[in-house]
Amino acid sequence: MNEKQKHDLLFIQLIKTFENAAWIQMGKLKNPQTDKIEKDLAQAQYSIDMLDMLKVKTQGNLSDEESRLLDSILTNLKLNFVDELEKEKKAAQREAGKGEPSGESKEEKEQKSEDKR
């Protein structure tokens, strides 16, 4: 294996390391150290940002295969990240409304309760 092949393999491994970290941080894969599903979207965003930075800094220096792989990984991670953000947003809304899907604010519910008295 020559130096270029070695660097190509190490670059792919680096990309895959950040990809795997992002999946774990989004709670899509078990953390191998704890054997539990854990979610840390701030860290997932950091991992995705690192891949974005690598894409920008290596632009024009990647093979077509490397470029396609990086683009595909980033697309999948970003779509899943947005999905996880939406899930958290909905969960927060349910929690704020105590799980009632009526869409009423706490104040509106209190007002209705007072009106019934």
C-alpha atoms as a PDB file:
ATOM      1  CA  MET A   1       0.000   0.000   0.000  1.00  0.00           C
ATOM      2  CA  ASN A   2       1.435   3.345  -1.000  1.00  0.00           C
ATOM      3  CA  GLU A   3       1.055   6.650   0.876  1.00  0.00           C
ATOM      4  CA  LYS A   4      -1.850   7.874  -1.265  1.00  0.00           C
ATOM      5  CA  GLN A   5      -3.844   4.672  -0.710  1.00  0.00           C
ATOM      6  CA  LYS A   6      -3.103   4.869   3.000  1.00  0.00           C
ATOM      7  CA  HIS A   7      -4.299   8.480   3.177  1.00  0.00           C
ATOM      8  CA  ASP A   8      -7.419   7.657   1.148  1.00  0.00           C
ATOM      9  CA  LEU A   9      -8.330   4.880   3.580  1.00  0.00           C
ATOM     10  CA  LEU A  10      -7.611   7.040   6.612  1.00  0.00           C
ATOM     11  CA  PHE A  11      -9.769   9.835   5.193  1.00  0.00           C
ATOM     12  CA  ILE A  12     -12.701   7.452   4.692  1.00  0.00           C
ATOM     13  CA  GLN A  13     -12.182   6.113   8.208  1.00  0.00           C
ATOM     14  CA  LEU A  14     -12.209   9.663   9.599  1.00  0.00           C
ATOM     15  CA  ILE A  15     -15.472  10.435   7.795  1.00  0.00           C
ATOM     16  CA  LYS A  16     -17.025   7.200   9.035  1.00  0.00           C
ATOM     17  CA  THR A  17     -15.884   7.957  12.599  1.00  0.00           C
ATOM     18  CA  PHE A  18     -17.735  11.287  12.624  1.00  0.00           C
ATOM     19  CA  GLU A  19     -20.736   9.691  10.900  1.00  0.00           C
ATOM     20  CA  ASN A  20     -20.965   6.928  13.496  1.00  0.00           C
ATOM     21  CA  ALA A  21     -20.553   9.436  16.329  1.00  0.00           C
ATOM     22  CA  ALA A  22     -23.406  11.546  14.925  1.00  0.00           C
ATOM     23  CA  TRP A  23     -25.733   8.521  14.687  1.00  0.00           C
ATOM     24  CA  ILE A  24     -24.962   7.628  18.304  1.00  0.00           C
ATOM     25  CA  GLN A  25     -25.386  11.241  19.441  1.00  0.00           C
ATOM     26  CA  MET A  26     -28.766  11.455  17.685  1.00  0.00           C
ATOM     27  CA  GLY A  27     -29.877   8.366  19.582  1.00  0.00           C
ATOM     28  CA  LYS A  28     -30.165   6.278  16.423  1.00  0.00           C
ATOM     29  CA  LEU A  29     -27.522   3.763  17.524  1.00  0.00           C
ATOM     30  CA  LYS A  30     -26.542   2.410  20.926  1.00  0.00           C
ATOM     31  CA  ASN A  31     -23.493   3.919  22.514  1.00  0.00           C
ATOM     32  CA  PRO A  32     -21.028   0.994  22.461  1.00  0.00           C
ATOM     33  CA  GLN A  33     -19.435   2.154  25.708  1.00  0.00           C
ATOM     34  CA  THR A  34     -22.675   2.191  27.699  1.00  0.00           C
ATOM     35  CA  ASP A  35     -24.771  -0.181  25.563  1.00  0.00           C
ATOM     36  CA  LYS A  36     -27.609   2.371  25.825  1.00  0.00           C
ATOM     37  CA  ILE A  37     -29.404   4.717  23.484  1.00  0.00           C
ATOM     38  CA  GLU A  38     -28.313   8.230  24.419  1.00  0.00           C
ATOM     39  CA  LYS A  39     -29.196  11.499  22.767  1.00  0.00           C
ATOM     40  CA  ASP A  40     -27.072  14.632  22.679  1.00  0.00           C
ATOM     41  CA  LEU A  41     -28.160  16.752  19.731  1.00  0.00           C
ATOM     42  CA  ALA A  42     -25.609  19.468  20.462  1.00  0.00           C
ATOM     43  CA  GLN A  43     -22.820  16.921  20.053  1.00  0.00           C
ATOM     44  CA  ALA A  44     -24.505  15.484  16.964  1.00  0.00           C
ATOM     45  CA  GLN A  45     -24.551  18.980  15.459  1.00  0.00           C
ATOM     46  CA  TYR A  46     -20.830  19.284  16.227  1.00  0.00           C
ATOM     47  CA  SER A  47     -20.067  15.997  14.447  1.00  0.00           C
ATOM     48  CA  ILE A  48     -22.109  17.069  11.417  1.00  0.00           C
ATOM     49  CA  ASP A  49     -20.381  20.462  11.426  1.00  0.00           C
ATOM     50  CA  MET A  50     -16.997  18.723  11.449  1.00  0.00           C
ATOM     51  CA  LEU A  51     -17.988  16.747   8.356  1.00  0.00           C
ATOM     52  CA  ASP A  52     -19.209  19.947   6.691  1.00  0.00           C
ATOM     53  CA  MET A  53     -15.867  21.567   7.465  1.00  0.00           C
ATOM     54  CA  LEU A  54     -13.982  18.609   6.002  1.00  0.00           C
ATOM     55  CA  LYS A  55     -16.079  18.868   2.855  1.00  0.00           C
ATOM     56  CA  VAL A  56     -15.268  22.569   2.462  1.00  0.00           C
ATOM     57  CA  LYS A  57     -11.569  22.237   3.296  1.00  0.00           C
ATOM     58  CA  THR A  58     -11.028  19.261   0.970  1.00  0.00           C
ATOM     59  CA  GLN A  59     -13.088  20.600  -1.945  1.00  0.00           C
ATOM     60  CA  GLY A  60     -11.274  19.939  -5.202  1.00  0.00           C
ATOM     61  CA  ASN A  61      -8.950  17.413  -3.567  1.00  0.00           C
ATOM     62  CA  LEU A  62     -11.327  14.440  -3.264  1.00  0.00           C
ATOM     63  CA  SER A  63     -11.946  11.661  -5.727  1.00  0.00           C
ATOM     64  CA  ASP A  64     -15.463  11.413  -7.172  1.00  0.00           C
ATOM     65  CA  GLU A  65     -16.105   8.412  -4.928  1.00  0.00           C
ATOM     66  CA  GLU A  66     -14.946  10.255  -1.794  1.00  0.00           C
ATOM     67  CA  SER A  67     -17.005  13.303  -2.697  1.00  0.00           C
ATOM     68  CA  ARG A  68     -20.155  11.242  -3.320  1.00  0.00           C
ATOM     69  CA  LEU A  69     -19.668   9.358  -0.059  1.00  0.00           C
ATOM     70  CA  LEU A  70     -19.237  12.548   1.951  1.00  0.00           C
ATOM     71  CA  ASP A  71     -22.261  14.167   0.279  1.00  0.00           C
ATOM     72  CA  SER A  72     -24.409  11.105   0.920  1.00  0.00           C
ATOM     73  CA  ILE A  73     -23.373  10.870   4.563  1.00  0.00           C
ATOM     74  CA  LEU A  74     -24.021  14.572   5.146  1.00  0.00           C
ATOM     75  CA  THR A  75     -27.431  14.434   3.477  1.00  0.00           C
ATOM     76  CA  ASN A  76     -28.549  11.446   5.557  1.00  0.00           C
ATOM     77  CA  LEU A  77     -27.240  12.889   8.802  1.00  0.00           C
ATOM     78  CA  LYS A  78     -28.796  16.316   8.234  1.00  0.00           C
ATOM     79  CA  LEU A  79     -32.208  14.861   7.359  1.00  0.00           C
ATOM     80  CA  ASN A  80     -32.161  12.669  10.447  1.00  0.00           C
ATOM     81  CA  PHE A  81     -30.924  15.545  12.608  1.00  0.00           C
ATOM     82  CA  VAL A  82     -33.857  17.717  11.523  1.00  0.00           C
ATOM     83  CA  ASP A  83     -36.191  14.806  12.268  1.00  0.00           C
ATOM     84  CA  GLU A  84     -34.755  14.488  15.779  1.00  0.00           C
ATOM     85  CA  LEU A  85     -35.106  18.235  16.349  1.00  0.00           C
ATOM     86  CA  GLU A  86     -38.777  18.013  15.343  1.00  0.00           C
ATOM     87  CA  LYS A  87     -39.316  15.094  17.716  1.00  0.00           C
ATOM     88  CA  GLU A  88     -37.789  17.060  20.576  1.00  0.00           C
ATOM     89  CA  LYS A  89     -39.878  20.104  19.712  1.00  0.00           C
ATOM     90  CA  LYS A  90     -43.089  18.046  19.712  1.00  0.00           C
ATOM     91  CA  ALA A  91     -42.129  16.358  22.969  1.00  0.00           C
ATOM     92  CA  ALA A  92     -41.495  19.750  24.564  1.00  0.00           C
ATOM     93  CA  GLN A  93     -44.862  21.002  23.324  1.00  0.00           C
ATOM     94  CA  ARG A  94     -46.604  17.924  24.747  1.00  0.00           C
ATOM     95  CA  GLU A  95     -44.817  18.417  28.042  1.00  0.00           C
ATOM     96  CA  ALA A  96     -45.786  22.078  28.149  1.00  0.00           C
ATOM     97  CA  GLY A  97     -49.394  21.106  27.445  1.00  0.00           C
ATOM     98  CA  LYS A  98     -49.255  18.145  29.844  1.00  0.00           C
ATOM     99  CA  GLY A  99     -49.799  15.781  26.939  1.00  0.00           C
ATOM    100  CA  GLU A 100     -53.116  17.271  25.860  1.00  0.00           C
ATOM    101  CA  PRO A 101     -53.215  17.634  22.086  1.00  0.00           C
ATOM    102  CA  SER A 102     -55.743  20.479  22.182  1.00  0.00           C
ATOM    103  CA  GLY A 103     -53.100  23.059  21.367  1.00  0.00           C
ATOM    104  CA  GLU A 104     -54.377  25.340  24.108  1.00  0.00           C
ATOM    105  CA  SER A 105     -51.918  27.288  26.177  1.00  0.00           C
ATOM    106  CA  LYS A 106     -51.744  26.826  29.915  1.00  0.00           C
ATOM    107  CA  GLU A 107     -53.419  30.194  30.387  1.00  0.00           C
ATOM    108  CA  GLU A 108     -56.335  29.246  28.117  1.00  0.00           C
ATOM    109  CA  LYS A 109     -56.881  26.025  30.034  1.00  0.00           C
ATOM    110  CA  GLU A 110     -56.828  27.867  33.361  1.00  0.00           C
ATOM    111  CA  GLN A 111     -59.334  30.407  32.027  1.00  0.00           C
ATOM    112  CA  LYS A 112     -61.712  27.640  30.930  1.00  0.00           C
ATOM    113  CA  SER A 113     -61.361  26.002  34.316  1.00  0.00           C
ATOM    114  CA  GLU A 114     -62.225  29.268  36.055  1.00  0.00           C
ATOM    115  CA  ASP A 115     -65.194  29.858  33.705  1.00  0.00           C
ATOM    116  CA  LYS A 116     -66.677  26.497  34.666  1.00  0.00           C
ATOM    117  CA  ARG A 117     -66.718  27.454  38.347  1.00  0.00           C
END
